Protein backbone atom coordinates (compact mmCIF):
# COMPACT_ATOMS: atom_id res chain seq x y z
CA MET A 1 1.38 -29.82 33.78
CA LYS A 2 -1.01 -32.54 32.52
CA LYS A 3 -3.97 -30.53 33.76
CA THR A 4 -2.75 -27.46 31.89
CA ILE A 5 -2.40 -29.42 28.65
CA ILE A 6 -5.85 -30.97 29.09
CA ILE A 7 -7.38 -27.53 29.75
CA ILE A 8 -5.63 -26.03 26.69
CA VAL A 9 -6.81 -28.91 24.46
CA ALA A 10 -10.38 -28.59 25.78
CA VAL A 11 -10.40 -24.82 25.19
CA LEU A 12 -9.05 -25.32 21.64
CA LEU A 13 -11.73 -27.93 20.89
CA VAL A 14 -14.51 -25.67 22.20
CA ALA A 15 -13.11 -22.68 20.27
CA GLY A 16 -12.83 -24.78 17.10
CA GLY A 17 -16.42 -25.96 17.44
CA ALA A 18 -17.63 -22.40 18.04
CA VAL A 19 -15.77 -21.13 14.97
CA TYR A 20 -17.32 -23.89 12.83
CA PHE A 21 -20.89 -23.30 13.99
CA LEU A 22 -20.64 -19.51 13.87
CA PHE A 23 -18.61 -18.94 10.70
CA LEU A 24 -17.95 -22.05 8.65
CA LYS A 25 -21.27 -23.87 8.85
CA PRO A 26 -22.95 -23.74 5.43
CA ALA A 27 -25.99 -21.52 5.16
CA PRO A 28 -29.31 -23.35 5.16
CA GLU A 29 -30.70 -24.19 1.75
CA PRO A 30 -33.46 -21.83 0.62
CA GLU A 31 -36.93 -23.32 0.38
CA ILE A 32 -39.20 -22.86 -2.61
CA SER A 33 -42.66 -21.54 -1.84
CA TYR A 34 -45.42 -19.90 -3.85
CA TYR A 35 -47.38 -16.74 -3.24
CA SER A 36 -50.66 -15.89 -4.93
CA ALA A 37 -51.27 -12.18 -5.37
CA GLY A 38 -55.01 -12.79 -4.93
CA ASP A 39 -57.88 -12.77 -7.37
CA SER A 40 -57.49 -12.46 -11.13
CA PHE A 41 -56.23 -9.24 -12.63
CA VAL A 42 -58.54 -7.65 -15.17
CA THR A 43 -57.17 -4.57 -16.87
CA ASN A 44 -57.64 -2.68 -20.08
CA VAL A 45 -55.13 -3.13 -22.88
CA LYS A 46 -53.26 0.01 -23.89
CA ASP A 47 -54.74 1.76 -26.98
CA SER A 48 -57.42 -0.91 -27.38
CA LEU A 49 -60.98 -1.72 -26.42
CA ARG A 50 -59.87 -5.17 -25.23
CA PHE A 51 -59.23 -6.42 -21.70
CA LEU A 52 -56.57 -8.71 -20.28
CA LYS A 53 -57.48 -11.18 -17.56
CA THR A 54 -54.76 -13.14 -15.79
CA THR A 55 -53.93 -14.76 -12.49
CA VAL A 56 -50.37 -14.44 -11.19
CA VAL A 57 -48.45 -16.71 -8.82
CA LEU A 58 -44.96 -15.82 -7.57
CA GLU A 59 -42.24 -18.40 -6.87
CA ILE A 60 -40.16 -17.47 -3.84
CA SER A 61 -36.80 -18.93 -2.80
CA ALA A 62 -35.92 -18.00 0.80
CA THR A 63 -34.57 -19.55 3.97
CA ASP A 64 -37.35 -18.13 6.16
CA THR A 65 -40.45 -18.68 4.03
CA GLU A 66 -42.91 -17.86 6.82
CA LYS A 67 -41.39 -14.42 7.31
CA VAL A 68 -41.29 -13.79 3.55
CA GLN A 69 -44.90 -14.93 3.08
CA GLU A 70 -46.00 -12.59 5.88
CA TYR A 71 -44.09 -9.67 4.30
CA LEU A 72 -45.67 -10.33 0.91
CA LYS A 73 -49.12 -10.62 2.46
CA GLU A 74 -48.68 -7.29 4.27
CA ASN A 75 -47.59 -5.67 1.01
CA ASN A 76 -50.04 -7.41 -1.31
CA HIS A 77 -51.51 -4.06 -2.35
CA VAL A 78 -48.08 -2.95 -3.60
CA ILE A 79 -47.56 -6.20 -5.52
CA ARG A 80 -51.00 -5.93 -7.14
CA ASP A 81 -50.33 -2.28 -8.09
CA ILE A 82 -47.03 -3.19 -9.75
CA ILE A 83 -48.65 -6.05 -11.67
CA VAL A 84 -51.64 -3.99 -12.84
CA PHE A 85 -49.58 -1.06 -14.06
CA THR A 86 -47.06 -3.33 -15.77
CA LEU A 87 -49.88 -5.12 -17.61
CA ARG A 88 -51.64 -1.87 -18.54
CA GLN A 89 -48.55 -0.68 -20.43
CA LYS A 90 -48.84 -3.49 -22.99
CA THR A 91 -50.57 -2.96 -26.31
CA GLU A 92 -52.73 -5.58 -27.99
CA GLU A 93 -50.02 -6.14 -30.58
CA GLU A 94 -47.44 -6.77 -27.85
CA LEU A 95 -49.75 -9.15 -25.98
CA ARG A 96 -50.36 -11.19 -29.14
CA SER A 97 -46.69 -11.40 -30.12
CA ILE A 98 -44.72 -14.63 -29.93
CA GLY A 99 -42.86 -15.10 -26.66
CA ILE A 100 -44.74 -12.38 -24.78
CA GLU A 101 -45.45 -14.71 -21.87
CA GLU A 102 -41.76 -15.21 -21.05
CA GLN A 103 -40.97 -11.55 -21.61
CA LEU A 104 -43.85 -10.49 -19.37
CA ARG A 105 -42.88 -12.99 -16.66
CA GLU A 106 -39.37 -11.55 -16.53
CA GLU A 107 -40.59 -7.95 -16.64
CA LEU A 108 -42.99 -8.57 -13.74
CA ARG A 109 -40.26 -10.34 -11.75
CA GLN A 110 -37.85 -7.46 -12.24
CA ASN A 111 -40.44 -4.76 -11.50
CA ILE A 112 -41.65 -6.41 -8.30
CA SER A 113 -38.12 -7.18 -7.10
CA LYS A 114 -36.86 -3.68 -7.81
CA LYS A 115 -39.80 -1.70 -6.46
CA MET A 116 -40.13 -3.81 -3.30
CA GLY A 117 -36.38 -4.16 -2.73
CA ILE A 118 -36.42 -7.96 -2.58
CA ASP A 119 -34.11 -10.55 -4.09
CA TYR A 120 -35.92 -13.82 -3.41
CA LEU A 121 -38.49 -13.67 -6.21
CA GLN A 122 -37.45 -16.38 -8.68
CA LYS A 123 -40.24 -16.83 -11.20
CA VAL A 124 -43.68 -15.56 -12.14
CA TYR A 125 -46.39 -17.94 -13.33
CA PHE A 126 -49.68 -17.21 -15.10
CA ASN A 127 -52.56 -19.51 -14.19
CA ASP A 128 -54.65 -17.98 -16.96
CA PHE A 129 -53.95 -15.39 -19.62
CA VAL A 130 -56.94 -14.25 -21.67
CA ILE A 131 -57.40 -11.27 -23.97
CA GLN A 132 -61.06 -10.38 -24.67
């Protein structure tokens, strides 16, 4: 009888530990990493003779940053295409308006996330932003 009780208690402890580690253990905290889409972007400004030059860095929040970085690197051509065509849609007036940087950051974040089907892109940063 004592052996049966000891076996039952041991099985319950093992089962409880398994349930905790498989179902109740909190998910790992996402890590913040940064991804550079490469060289500067130089594109014409819509309905203008001016050009826009900028460098874009993406902030990523994911639990497996190595896997995410590899995915972004493999699809860098798609990211660059999305950025270029988003920038090309802006007129000179829009690019000189107050608050355009924040608006453009959010627009790029949404476009990249939507078109690539990702949800870990947190922010977009401009290292330079020049209209010539």
